[in-house]
Amino acid sequence: MSTNVLRTADGWWVVLGDRAVPVDTKAVTTAELLADRPTVREAAASGEPGTPVADLVALSPVTTPCRVVAQMVNYRSHARDSGFKGDIPPAFFRKASGSVSGPGDAVVRPSHVKFLDYEIELGLVMGAPLPVGTVVEERDLPSYVAGLVITNDVSAREVQLTKTQFYESKSYPTFTPTGPYLSLLEPEDFAHLLDLRLTLSVNGELRQDRTLADMIVRPAQALTLLARFQTLDAGDLLLTGTPGGTALKAPPKAVEKIGALLPPAVKWKAFFKSQAKNPHYLNPGDVITATIATPDGRIDLGEQRTPVADAN
C-alpha cells in the first residue's frame, strides 16, 4: 500500500487516516526525504497517536528549486476538446519551479490576465536519476518514480495563444498548486495507476473527470521519450497531462477556417471577444477542488482546495 507524506513548516509527516505522525528526519528537500525512506516507514509503523491532519498547514510536498516538466495534450478527451484528430505527437514543455505552490495557497491571477484556466494533472515525483538515453519499461517504473502528487497546470490562455508561449503562460507564481500529499508507492502499487481518477471542480461544479485509461502516452513511455534529451533527478516533477473539460476549447471548424484568413491581431481580438462570454474561466473568489484516487482507496492523493485571487 502507498504511504502519504505531508510537509509543513515544521517538517515531514506520515498521514494515517485523520492523524499525522512526524517523521524523525533531517531531510529538508523532497530528494533528501526520498533518500530516507526507512525513517518514513518507521514513522508509519510507530503507533504514535499523532496530530490531527486538520490542524496542519500543508506546503507543497515537492520542494523547489527542481525541474518541472509537463506533457502537452496527453488525454484523448483533451485532444478532442482542442480540435486534434488522428495521432497526437508526444510533446513536452518546461514550467518554472517558482510556479509551485501549496495545496491551499491562492492561485493569483496577474493583472494583465483575463482568461485564467485550470488543468488537473497527475504529477510523477522522481525517486532516482533518469539519465539521457534511459529506456523505461513498465516494470522499471518503481526504479525511477517514487511517488505521485496532485498538480494543477494553471494557464494564462491569452499569453499561451497569442505568444505561442507555454513557458510564460504556465510559470507565473502560484500556477502549479501541488499536494497536499506525496503518495509514496510500493512496487505493487504501480499496477493500479490506470485506475486513478482525476476530478476537478470549480465552486462545486464538476469540470474534469477521467481516469488514466484516457491517457495517450503513459508514464513509462513518457519517461523514455523525455530521456531522449532531458535528464531528471530525484525530487524532480513530471506533470502528465490533463483530461478534457478545461475552459479553453477549440472553435468550430468553420470559425477556425475563417480565422485563418484574418491577420493575427484581428483573429485573436475576435477569438477573445467570443471567449469573454465563456463562464468557465477562473475569477477571483472561485475555489478549485481537485482529487486523484483509485476507487478502492489504495492510492489516494488527498484533496487540493485552492482559492483564486487577483494580484494586489
C-alpha atoms as a PDB file:
ATOM      1  CA  MET A   1       0.000   0.000   0.000  1.00  0.00           C
ATOM      2  CA  SER A   2       1.105   3.566  -0.665  1.00  0.00           C
ATOM      3  CA  THR A   3       2.209   5.890   2.141  1.00  0.00           C
ATOM      4  CA  ASN A   4       1.036   9.505   2.191  1.00  0.00           C
ATOM      5  CA  VAL A   5       3.517  12.131   3.343  1.00  0.00           C
ATOM      6  CA  LEU A   6       2.680  15.726   4.242  1.00  0.00           C
ATOM      7  CA  ARG A   7       5.103  18.666   4.510  1.00  0.00           C
ATOM      8  CA  THR A   8       4.610  21.628   6.846  1.00  0.00           C
ATOM      9  CA  ALA A   9       6.833  24.450   8.038  1.00  0.00           C
ATOM     10  CA  ASP A  10       7.815  22.146  10.919  1.00  0.00           C
ATOM     11  CA  GLY A  11       8.894  19.198   8.772  1.00  0.00           C
ATOM     12  CA  TRP A  12       7.548  15.993   7.280  1.00  0.00           C
ATOM     13  CA  TRP A  13       4.623  13.878   8.490  1.00  0.00           C
ATOM     14  CA  VAL A  14       3.213  10.450   7.638  1.00  0.00           C
ATOM     15  CA  VAL A  15      -0.570  10.615   7.252  1.00  0.00           C
ATOM     16  CA  LEU A  16      -2.509   7.793   8.902  1.00  0.00           C
ATOM     17  CA  GLY A  17      -6.212   8.426   8.376  1.00  0.00           C
ATOM     18  CA  ASP A  18      -7.144  11.712  10.021  1.00  0.00           C
ATOM     19  CA  ARG A  19      -3.908  11.811  12.069  1.00  0.00           C
ATOM     20  CA  ALA A  20      -0.323  12.582  11.137  1.00  0.00           C
ATOM     21  CA  VAL A  21       2.892  11.304  12.739  1.00  0.00           C
ATOM     22  CA  PRO A  22       6.107  13.354  12.470  1.00  0.00           C
ATOM     23  CA  VAL A  23       8.998  11.813  10.545  1.00  0.00           C
ATOM     24  CA  ASP A  24      12.237  11.949  12.539  1.00  0.00           C
ATOM     25  CA  THR A  25      14.398  13.059   9.643  1.00  0.00           C
ATOM     26  CA  LYS A  26      16.847  15.833   8.896  1.00  0.00           C
ATOM     27  CA  ALA A  27      15.592  15.951   5.298  1.00  0.00           C
ATOM     28  CA  VAL A  28      14.792  19.433   4.046  1.00  0.00           C
ATOM     29  CA  THR A  29      14.228  18.735   0.375  1.00  0.00           C
ATOM     30  CA  THR A  30      11.998  16.151  -1.287  1.00  0.00           C
ATOM     31  CA  ALA A  31      15.073  14.409  -2.686  1.00  0.00           C
ATOM     32  CA  GLU A  32      16.556  14.129   0.798  1.00  0.00           C
ATOM     33  CA  LEU A  33      13.318  12.681   2.164  1.00  0.00           C
ATOM     34  CA  LEU A  34      13.193  10.093  -0.614  1.00  0.00           C
ATOM     35  CA  ALA A  35      16.710   9.032   0.327  1.00  0.00           C
ATOM     36  CA  ASP A  36      15.457   8.459   3.881  1.00  0.00           C
ATOM     37  CA  ARG A  37      12.563   6.090   3.155  1.00  0.00           C
ATOM     38  CA  PRO A  38      13.386   3.773   6.107  1.00  0.00           C
ATOM     39  CA  THR A  39      12.675   6.649   8.509  1.00  0.00           C
ATOM     40  CA  VAL A  40       9.347   7.289   6.763  1.00  0.00           C
ATOM     41  CA  ARG A  41       8.452   3.618   7.235  1.00  0.00           C
ATOM     42  CA  GLU A  42       9.438   3.800  10.900  1.00  0.00           C
ATOM     43  CA  ALA A  43       7.082   6.732  11.433  1.00  0.00           C
ATOM     44  CA  ALA A  44       4.261   4.876   9.687  1.00  0.00           C
ATOM     45  CA  ALA A  45       4.747   1.858  11.959  1.00  0.00           C
ATOM     46  CA  SER A  46       5.419   3.783  15.185  1.00  0.00           C
ATOM     47  CA  GLY A  47       1.915   3.549  16.624  1.00  0.00           C
ATOM     48  CA  GLU A  48       2.121   7.143  17.893  1.00  0.00           C
ATOM     49  CA  PRO A  49      -1.258   8.883  18.386  1.00  0.00           C
ATOM     50  CA  GLY A  50      -0.139  11.710  16.137  1.00  0.00           C
ATOM     51  CA  THR A  51      -1.633  15.124  15.396  1.00  0.00           C
ATOM     52  CA  PRO A  52      -4.954  15.830  13.648  1.00  0.00           C
ATOM     53  CA  VAL A  53      -4.266  16.425   9.961  1.00  0.00           C
ATOM     54  CA  ALA A  54      -6.860  19.210  10.051  1.00  0.00           C
ATOM     55  CA  ASP A  55      -4.563  21.154  12.421  1.00  0.00           C
ATOM     56  CA  LEU A  56      -1.631  21.131   9.972  1.00  0.00           C
ATOM     57  CA  VAL A  57      -0.992  23.676   7.221  1.00  0.00           C
ATOM     58  CA  ALA A  58       0.296  21.751   4.214  1.00  0.00           C
ATOM     59  CA  LEU A  59       3.060  23.073   1.996  1.00  0.00           C
ATOM     60  CA  SER A  60       3.887  21.654  -1.404  1.00  0.00           C
ATOM     61  CA  PRO A  61       5.448  18.215  -0.810  1.00  0.00           C
ATOM     62  CA  VAL A  62       7.677  18.903  -3.833  1.00  0.00           C
ATOM     63  CA  THR A  63      10.384  21.313  -2.737  1.00  0.00           C
ATOM     64  CA  THR A  64      11.974  23.828  -5.084  1.00  0.00           C
ATOM     65  CA  PRO A  65      14.155  24.527  -6.952  1.00  0.00           C
ATOM     66  CA  CYS A  66      13.625  21.435  -9.072  1.00  0.00           C
ATOM     67  CA  ARG A  67      12.865  20.589 -12.677  1.00  0.00           C
ATOM     68  CA  VAL A  68       9.186  20.853 -13.559  1.00  0.00           C
ATOM     69  CA  VAL A  69       8.361  19.264 -16.918  1.00  0.00           C
ATOM     70  CA  ALA A  70       4.886  18.811 -18.416  1.00  0.00           C
ATOM     71  CA  GLN A  71       3.297  16.744 -21.167  1.00  0.00           C
ATOM     72  CA  MET A  72       1.113  18.523 -23.707  1.00  0.00           C
ATOM     73  CA  VAL A  73      -2.264  17.165 -24.969  1.00  0.00           C
ATOM     74  CA  ASN A  74      -1.938  13.749 -23.353  1.00  0.00           C
ATOM     75  CA  TYR A  75      -5.577  12.699 -22.823  1.00  0.00           C
ATOM     76  CA  ARG A  76      -7.900  11.715 -25.641  1.00  0.00           C
ATOM     77  CA  SER A  77     -10.719  13.807 -24.187  1.00  0.00           C
ATOM     78  CA  HIS A  78      -8.467  16.889 -24.063  1.00  0.00           C
ATOM     79  CA  ALA A  79      -7.323  16.234 -27.632  1.00  0.00           C
ATOM     80  CA  ARG A  80     -10.965  16.231 -28.779  1.00  0.00           C
ATOM     81  CA  ASP A  81     -11.650  19.468 -26.897  1.00  0.00           C
ATOM     82  CA  SER A  82      -8.576  21.005 -28.524  1.00  0.00           C
ATOM     83  CA  GLY A  83      -9.656  20.050 -32.044  1.00  0.00           C
ATOM     84  CA  PHE A  84      -6.972  17.426 -32.677  1.00  0.00           C
ATOM     85  CA  LYS A  85      -7.689  14.448 -34.904  1.00  0.00           C
ATOM     86  CA  GLY A  86      -5.588  11.397 -35.685  1.00  0.00           C
ATOM     87  CA  ASP A  87      -2.289  10.677 -33.952  1.00  0.00           C
ATOM     88  CA  ILE A  88      -1.077  13.227 -31.405  1.00  0.00           C
ATOM     89  CA  PRO A  89       2.726  13.596 -31.422  1.00  0.00           C
ATOM     90  CA  PRO A  90       4.160  13.477 -27.888  1.00  0.00           C
ATOM     91  CA  ALA A  91       5.344  16.897 -26.724  1.00  0.00           C
ATOM     92  CA  PHE A  92       6.849  18.347 -23.543  1.00  0.00           C
ATOM     93  CA  PHE A  93       7.377  21.813 -22.127  1.00  0.00           C
ATOM     94  CA  ARG A  94       9.030  23.249 -19.025  1.00  0.00           C
ATOM     95  CA  LYS A  95       7.488  25.239 -16.198  1.00  0.00           C
ATOM     96  CA  ALA A  96       9.445  27.436 -13.800  1.00  0.00           C
ATOM     97  CA  SER A  97       9.730  25.753 -10.420  1.00  0.00           C
ATOM     98  CA  GLY A  98       8.875  29.137  -8.919  1.00  0.00           C
ATOM     99  CA  SER A  99       5.307  28.404 -10.036  1.00  0.00           C
ATOM    100  CA  VAL A 100       4.994  25.562  -7.492  1.00  0.00           C
ATOM    101  CA  SER A 101       2.738  26.498  -4.569  1.00  0.00           C
ATOM    102  CA  GLY A 102       0.989  24.806  -1.684  1.00  0.00           C
ATOM    103  CA  PRO A 103      -2.303  22.895  -1.960  1.00  0.00           C
ATOM    104  CA  GLY A 104      -4.230  25.574  -0.074  1.00  0.00           C
ATOM    105  CA  ASP A 105      -2.451  28.665  -1.379  1.00  0.00           C
ATOM    106  CA  ALA A 106      -4.409  31.080  -3.548  1.00  0.00           C
ATOM    107  CA  VAL A 107      -3.897  30.957  -7.309  1.00  0.00           C
ATOM    108  CA  VAL A 108      -3.033  34.576  -8.054  1.00  0.00           C
ATOM    109  CA  ARG A 109      -4.216  35.972 -11.390  1.00  0.00           C
ATOM    110  CA  PRO A 110      -1.729  38.531 -12.789  1.00  0.00           C
ATOM    111  CA  SER A 111      -3.216  41.936 -13.545  1.00  0.00           C
ATOM    112  CA  HIS A 112      -2.798  41.535 -17.319  1.00  0.00           C
ATOM    113  CA  VAL A 113      -4.501  38.109 -17.438  1.00  0.00           C
ATOM    114  CA  LYS A 114      -8.232  37.757 -18.058  1.00  0.00           C
ATOM    115  CA  PHE A 115      -8.520  34.180 -19.310  1.00  0.00           C
ATOM    116  CA  LEU A 116      -7.218  32.047 -16.447  1.00  0.00           C
ATOM    117  CA  ASP A 117      -7.713  28.294 -16.870  1.00  0.00           C
ATOM    118  CA  TYR A 118      -7.292  25.140 -14.782  1.00  0.00           C
ATOM    119  CA  GLU A 119      -5.787  21.744 -15.710  1.00  0.00           C
ATOM    120  CA  ILE A 120      -5.709  18.949 -13.138  1.00  0.00           C
ATOM    121  CA  GLU A 121      -2.713  16.692 -13.732  1.00  0.00           C
ATOM    122  CA  LEU A 122      -1.125  13.674 -12.085  1.00  0.00           C
ATOM    123  CA  GLY A 123       2.417  14.566 -11.063  1.00  0.00           C
ATOM    124  CA  LEU A 124       5.171  11.944 -11.043  1.00  0.00           C
ATOM    125  CA  VAL A 125       7.882  12.626  -8.462  1.00  0.00           C
ATOM    126  CA  MET A 126      11.196  11.122  -9.432  1.00  0.00           C
ATOM    127  CA  GLY A 127      12.979   8.969  -6.876  1.00  0.00           C
ATOM    128  CA  ALA A 128      16.195   8.305  -8.804  1.00  0.00           C
ATOM    129  CA  PRO A 129      18.202   9.904 -11.623  1.00  0.00           C
ATOM    130  CA  LEU A 130      16.912   9.389 -15.159  1.00  0.00           C
ATOM    131  CA  PRO A 131      19.976   9.831 -17.403  1.00  0.00           C
ATOM    132  CA  VAL A 132      19.687  10.796 -21.055  1.00  0.00           C
ATOM    133  CA  GLY A 133      19.224   7.661 -23.146  1.00  0.00           C
ATOM    134  CA  THR A 134      17.326   5.692 -20.489  1.00  0.00           C
ATOM    135  CA  VAL A 135      14.644   3.303 -21.751  1.00  0.00           C
ATOM    136  CA  VAL A 136      11.904   2.760 -19.162  1.00  0.00           C
ATOM    137  CA  GLU A 137       9.684  -0.299 -19.381  1.00  0.00           C
ATOM    138  CA  GLU A 138       6.504  -0.645 -17.320  1.00  0.00           C
ATOM    139  CA  ARG A 139       8.311  -2.984 -14.932  1.00  0.00           C
ATOM    140  CA  ASP A 140      11.020  -0.350 -14.422  1.00  0.00           C
ATOM    141  CA  LEU A 141       8.726   2.424 -13.149  1.00  0.00           C
ATOM    142  CA  PRO A 142       9.333   1.677  -9.446  1.00  0.00           C
ATOM    143  CA  SER A 143      13.061   2.163 -10.043  1.00  0.00           C
ATOM    144  CA  TYR A 144      12.569   5.759 -11.191  1.00  0.00           C
ATOM    145  CA  VAL A 145       9.259   7.079  -9.828  1.00  0.00           C
ATOM    146  CA  ALA A 146       8.993   7.391  -6.046  1.00  0.00           C
ATOM    147  CA  GLY A 147       5.524   8.815  -5.735  1.00  0.00           C
ATOM    148  CA  LEU A 148       2.587  10.830  -7.001  1.00  0.00           C
ATOM    149  CA  VAL A 149       1.080  14.253  -6.313  1.00  0.00           C
ATOM    150  CA  ILE A 150      -1.938  16.256  -7.433  1.00  0.00           C
ATOM    151  CA  THR A 151      -0.926  19.227  -9.572  1.00  0.00           C
ATOM    152  CA  ASN A 152      -2.865  21.955 -11.348  1.00  0.00           C
ATOM    153  CA  ASP A 153      -1.255  23.322 -14.505  1.00  0.00           C
ATOM    154  CA  VAL A 154      -2.832  26.785 -14.279  1.00  0.00           C
ATOM    155  CA  SER A 155      -2.647  28.650 -17.591  1.00  0.00           C
ATOM    156  CA  ALA A 156      -2.900  32.249 -18.792  1.00  0.00           C
ATOM    157  CA  ARG A 157      -4.575  31.466 -22.091  1.00  0.00           C
ATOM    158  CA  GLU A 158      -4.137  34.807 -23.861  1.00  0.00           C
ATOM    159  CA  VAL A 159      -0.377  34.630 -23.212  1.00  0.00           C
ATOM    160  CA  GLN A 160      -0.214  30.999 -24.337  1.00  0.00           C
ATOM    161  CA  LEU A 161      -2.179  31.501 -27.559  1.00  0.00           C
ATOM    162  CA  THR A 162      -1.110  34.919 -28.791  1.00  0.00           C
ATOM    163  CA  LYS A 163       2.578  34.396 -27.991  1.00  0.00           C
ATOM    164  CA  THR A 164       2.615  30.599 -28.503  1.00  0.00           C
ATOM    165  CA  GLN A 165       4.464  30.818 -25.200  1.00  0.00           C
ATOM    166  CA  PHE A 166       3.870  27.883 -22.879  1.00  0.00           C
ATOM    167  CA  TYR A 167       6.739  28.697 -20.518  1.00  0.00           C
ATOM    168  CA  GLU A 168       5.489  32.161 -19.607  1.00  0.00           C
ATOM    169  CA  SER A 169       1.780  31.348 -19.674  1.00  0.00           C
ATOM    170  CA  LYS A 170       2.164  28.486 -17.200  1.00  0.00           C
ATOM    171  CA  SER A 171       5.028  29.730 -14.997  1.00  0.00           C
ATOM    172  CA  TYR A 172       3.670  32.676 -13.040  1.00  0.00           C
ATOM    173  CA  PRO A 173       3.966  32.282  -9.242  1.00  0.00           C
ATOM    174  CA  THR A 174       1.185  30.019  -7.846  1.00  0.00           C
ATOM    175  CA  PHE A 175       0.499  28.478 -11.281  1.00  0.00           C
ATOM    176  CA  THR A 176       1.405  24.937 -10.127  1.00  0.00           C
ATOM    177  CA  PRO A 177      -0.500  24.129  -6.925  1.00  0.00           C
ATOM    178  CA  THR A 178       0.927  20.828  -5.673  1.00  0.00           C
ATOM    179  CA  GLY A 179      -0.209  18.385  -2.994  1.00  0.00           C
ATOM    180  CA  PRO A 180      -1.449  18.017  -0.330  1.00  0.00           C
ATOM    181  CA  TYR A 181       0.164  14.576  -0.164  1.00  0.00           C
ATOM    182  CA  LEU A 182       3.181  12.977  -1.709  1.00  0.00           C
ATOM    183  CA  SER A 183       1.939   9.411  -2.085  1.00  0.00           C
ATOM    184  CA  LEU A 184       4.990   7.141  -1.880  1.00  0.00           C
ATOM    185  CA  LEU A 185       4.339   3.974  -3.852  1.00  0.00           C
ATOM    186  CA  GLU A 186       5.373   0.392  -3.265  1.00  0.00           C
ATOM    187  CA  PRO A 187       6.268  -1.643  -6.395  1.00  0.00           C
ATOM    188  CA  GLU A 188       2.902  -3.446  -6.372  1.00  0.00           C
ATOM    189  CA  ASP A 189       1.008  -0.118  -6.416  1.00  0.00           C
ATOM    190  CA  PHE A 190       2.111   0.694  -9.956  1.00  0.00           C
ATOM    191  CA  ALA A 191      -0.238  -1.966 -11.367  1.00  0.00           C
ATOM    192  CA  HIS A 192      -3.137   0.242 -10.214  1.00  0.00           C
ATOM    193  CA  LEU A 193      -2.133   3.506 -11.918  1.00  0.00           C
ATOM    194  CA  LEU A 194      -4.736   3.262 -14.689  1.00  0.00           C
ATOM    195  CA  ASP A 195      -7.460   3.089 -12.020  1.00  0.00           C
ATOM    196  CA  LEU A 196      -6.591   6.563 -10.774  1.00  0.00           C
ATOM    197  CA  ARG A 197      -9.456   9.006 -11.339  1.00  0.00           C
ATOM    198  CA  LEU A 198      -8.769  12.717 -11.720  1.00  0.00           C
ATOM    199  CA  THR A 199     -11.573  15.130 -10.762  1.00  0.00           C
ATOM    200  CA  LEU A 200     -11.601  18.913 -10.682  1.00  0.00           C
ATOM    201  CA  SER A 201     -14.497  21.143  -9.632  1.00  0.00           C
ATOM    202  CA  VAL A 202     -14.890  24.918  -9.553  1.00  0.00           C
ATOM    203  CA  ASN A 203     -17.271  26.218  -6.890  1.00  0.00           C
ATOM    204  CA  GLY A 204     -18.657  22.698  -6.547  1.00  0.00           C
ATOM    205  CA  GLU A 205     -19.334  22.278 -10.290  1.00  0.00           C
ATOM    206  CA  LEU A 206     -17.559  19.224 -11.731  1.00  0.00           C
ATOM    207  CA  ARG A 207     -15.453  20.260 -14.743  1.00  0.00           C
ATOM    208  CA  GLN A 208     -12.940  17.408 -15.253  1.00  0.00           C
ATOM    209  CA  ASP A 209     -13.462  13.702 -14.530  1.00  0.00           C
ATOM    210  CA  ARG A 210     -11.372  10.971 -16.180  1.00  0.00           C
ATOM    211  CA  THR A 211      -9.165   8.016 -15.287  1.00  0.00           C
ATOM    212  CA  LEU A 212      -5.638   7.430 -16.536  1.00  0.00           C
ATOM    213  CA  ALA A 213      -7.095   4.972 -19.042  1.00  0.00           C
ATOM    214  CA  ASP A 214      -7.842   8.098 -21.152  1.00  0.00           C
ATOM    215  CA  MET A 215      -4.116   8.893 -21.276  1.00  0.00           C
ATOM    216  CA  ILE A 216      -2.363   8.761 -24.670  1.00  0.00           C
ATOM    217  CA  VAL A 217       1.306   8.429 -23.622  1.00  0.00           C
ATOM    218  CA  ARG A 218       1.566   6.576 -20.317  1.00  0.00           C
ATOM    219  CA  PRO A 219       4.284   7.178 -17.707  1.00  0.00           C
ATOM    220  CA  ALA A 220       6.890   4.600 -18.758  1.00  0.00           C
ATOM    221  CA  GLN A 221       6.748   5.677 -22.407  1.00  0.00           C
ATOM    222  CA  ALA A 222       6.725   9.356 -21.405  1.00  0.00           C
ATOM    223  CA  LEU A 223       9.899   8.950 -19.363  1.00  0.00           C
ATOM    224  CA  THR A 224      11.567   7.102 -22.230  1.00  0.00           C
ATOM    225  CA  LEU A 225      10.672   9.890 -24.673  1.00  0.00           C
ATOM    226  CA  LEU A 226      11.741  12.591 -22.243  1.00  0.00           C
ATOM    227  CA  ALA A 227      15.062  10.839 -21.601  1.00  0.00           C
ATOM    228  CA  ARG A 228      15.991  11.241 -25.256  1.00  0.00           C
ATOM    229  CA  PHE A 229      17.032  14.799 -24.399  1.00  0.00           C
ATOM    230  CA  GLN A 230      16.327  15.589 -20.730  1.00  0.00           C
ATOM    231  CA  THR A 231      17.959  14.369 -17.533  1.00  0.00           C
ATOM    232  CA  LEU A 232      15.789  14.148 -14.415  1.00  0.00           C
ATOM    233  CA  ASP A 233      16.909  13.750 -10.800  1.00  0.00           C
ATOM    234  CA  ALA A 234      15.278  12.633  -7.565  1.00  0.00           C
ATOM    235  CA  GLY A 235      12.741  15.226  -6.462  1.00  0.00           C
ATOM    236  CA  ASP A 236      12.006  16.459  -9.992  1.00  0.00           C
ATOM    237  CA  LEU A 237       8.379  16.642 -11.137  1.00  0.00           C
ATOM    238  CA  LEU A 238       6.683  15.477 -14.344  1.00  0.00           C
ATOM    239  CA  LEU A 239       3.118  16.647 -14.998  1.00  0.00           C
ATOM    240  CA  THR A 240       1.431  14.025 -17.188  1.00  0.00           C
ATOM    241  CA  GLY A 241      -1.294  15.987 -18.985  1.00  0.00           C
ATOM    242  CA  THR A 242      -4.881  16.963 -18.313  1.00  0.00           C
ATOM    243  CA  PRO A 243      -8.232  15.425 -19.301  1.00  0.00           C
ATOM    244  CA  GLY A 244     -10.937  17.240 -21.230  1.00  0.00           C
ATOM    245  CA  GLY A 245     -13.117  19.799 -19.524  1.00  0.00           C
ATOM    246  CA  THR A 246     -10.877  22.865 -19.338  1.00  0.00           C
ATOM    247  CA  ALA A 247     -12.425  26.271 -20.056  1.00  0.00           C
ATOM    248  CA  LEU A 248     -10.500  26.616 -23.326  1.00  0.00           C
ATOM    249  CA  LYS A 249     -11.856  24.611 -26.245  1.00  0.00           C
ATOM    250  CA  ALA A 250     -11.180  24.753 -29.967  1.00  0.00           C
ATOM    251  CA  PRO A 251     -13.613  26.877 -32.005  1.00  0.00           C
ATOM    252  CA  PRO A 252     -15.921  25.211 -34.555  1.00  0.00           C
ATOM    253  CA  LYS A 253     -14.161  24.253 -37.793  1.00  0.00           C
ATOM    254  CA  ALA A 254     -15.977  26.882 -39.854  1.00  0.00           C
ATOM    255  CA  VAL A 255     -14.923  29.634 -37.467  1.00  0.00           C
ATOM    256  CA  GLU A 256     -11.356  28.281 -37.415  1.00  0.00           C
ATOM    257  CA  LYS A 257     -11.161  28.393 -41.230  1.00  0.00           C
ATOM    258  CA  ILE A 258     -12.393  31.971 -41.332  1.00  0.00           C
ATOM    259  CA  GLY A 259      -9.960  32.938 -38.575  1.00  0.00           C
ATOM    260  CA  ALA A 260      -7.048  31.518 -40.565  1.00  0.00           C
ATOM    261  CA  LEU A 261      -7.744  34.096 -43.275  1.00  0.00           C
ATOM    262  CA  LEU A 262      -7.527  37.046 -40.893  1.00  0.00           C
ATOM    263  CA  PRO A 263      -4.425  38.955 -39.764  1.00  0.00           C
ATOM    264  CA  PRO A 264      -3.242  37.580 -36.388  1.00  0.00           C
ATOM    265  CA  ALA A 265      -4.200  40.690 -34.397  1.00  0.00           C
ATOM    266  CA  VAL A 266      -7.718  40.677 -35.839  1.00  0.00           C
ATOM    267  CA  LYS A 267      -8.096  36.912 -35.367  1.00  0.00           C
ATOM    268  CA  TRP A 268      -7.112  36.971 -31.697  1.00  0.00           C
ATOM    269  CA  LYS A 269      -9.256  40.018 -30.965  1.00  0.00           C
ATOM    270  CA  ALA A 270     -12.280  38.205 -32.372  1.00  0.00           C
ATOM    271  CA  PHE A 271     -11.407  34.955 -30.604  1.00  0.00           C
ATOM    272  CA  PHE A 272     -11.050  36.509 -27.163  1.00  0.00           C
ATOM    273  CA  LYS A 273     -14.183  38.580 -27.669  1.00  0.00           C
ATOM    274  CA  SER A 274     -16.035  35.284 -28.043  1.00  0.00           C
ATOM    275  CA  GLN A 275     -14.152  33.779 -25.079  1.00  0.00           C
ATOM    276  CA  ALA A 276     -15.311  36.647 -22.869  1.00  0.00           C
ATOM    277  CA  LYS A 277     -18.766  35.016 -22.943  1.00  0.00           C
ATOM    278  CA  ASN A 278     -17.346  31.738 -21.598  1.00  0.00           C
ATOM    279  CA  PRO A 279     -18.249  31.467 -17.877  1.00  0.00           C
ATOM    280  CA  HIS A 280     -15.759  28.675 -17.143  1.00  0.00           C
ATOM    281  CA  TYR A 281     -12.610  30.774 -16.873  1.00  0.00           C
ATOM    282  CA  LEU A 282     -11.414  31.354 -13.323  1.00  0.00           C
ATOM    283  CA  ASN A 283     -12.256  34.549 -11.453  1.00  0.00           C
ATOM    284  CA  PRO A 284     -11.326  35.959  -8.038  1.00  0.00           C
ATOM    285  CA  GLY A 285     -13.395  34.282  -5.346  1.00  0.00           C
ATOM    286  CA  ASP A 286     -13.606  30.955  -7.165  1.00  0.00           C
ATOM    287  CA  VAL A 287     -12.488  27.826  -5.318  1.00  0.00           C
ATOM    288  CA  ILE A 288     -10.863  24.950  -7.220  1.00  0.00           C
ATOM    289  CA  THR A 289     -11.161  21.477  -5.705  1.00  0.00           C
ATOM    290  CA  ALA A 290      -9.055  18.640  -7.125  1.00  0.00           C
ATOM    291  CA  THR A 291      -8.739  14.961  -6.197  1.00  0.00           C
ATOM    292  CA  ILE A 292      -6.882  11.943  -7.549  1.00  0.00           C
ATOM    293  CA  ALA A 293      -7.535   8.456  -6.154  1.00  0.00           C
ATOM    294  CA  THR A 294      -8.294   4.857  -7.046  1.00  0.00           C
ATOM    295  CA  PRO A 295     -11.867   3.702  -6.331  1.00  0.00           C
ATOM    296  CA  ASP A 296     -10.689   1.331  -3.602  1.00  0.00           C
ATOM    297  CA  GLY A 297      -8.591   3.991  -1.857  1.00  0.00           C
ATOM    298  CA  ARG A 298      -5.376   2.038  -2.329  1.00  0.00           C
ATOM    299  CA  ILE A 299      -3.846   5.245  -3.720  1.00  0.00           C
ATOM    300  CA  ASP A 300      -5.414   8.499  -2.556  1.00  0.00           C
ATOM    301  CA  LEU A 301      -3.563  11.776  -3.061  1.00  0.00           C
ATOM    302  CA  GLY A 302      -5.939  13.775  -0.864  1.00  0.00           C
ATOM    303  CA  GLU A 303      -7.927  16.872  -1.763  1.00  0.00           C
ATOM    304  CA  GLN A 304      -6.411  20.063  -3.111  1.00  0.00           C
ATOM    305  CA  ARG A 305      -8.516  23.147  -2.420  1.00  0.00           C
ATOM    306  CA  THR A 306      -7.224  26.431  -3.829  1.00  0.00           C
ATOM    307  CA  PRO A 307      -8.998  29.805  -3.945  1.00  0.00           C
ATOM    308  CA  VAL A 308      -8.453  32.228  -6.809  1.00  0.00           C
ATOM    309  CA  ALA A 309      -7.383  35.823  -6.129  1.00  0.00           C
ATOM    310  CA  ASP A 310      -6.291  38.848  -8.113  1.00  0.00           C
ATOM    311  CA  ALA A 311      -2.801  40.255  -7.735  1.00  0.00           C
ATOM    312  CA  ASN A 312      -2.691  43.212  -5.339  1.00  0.00           C
END
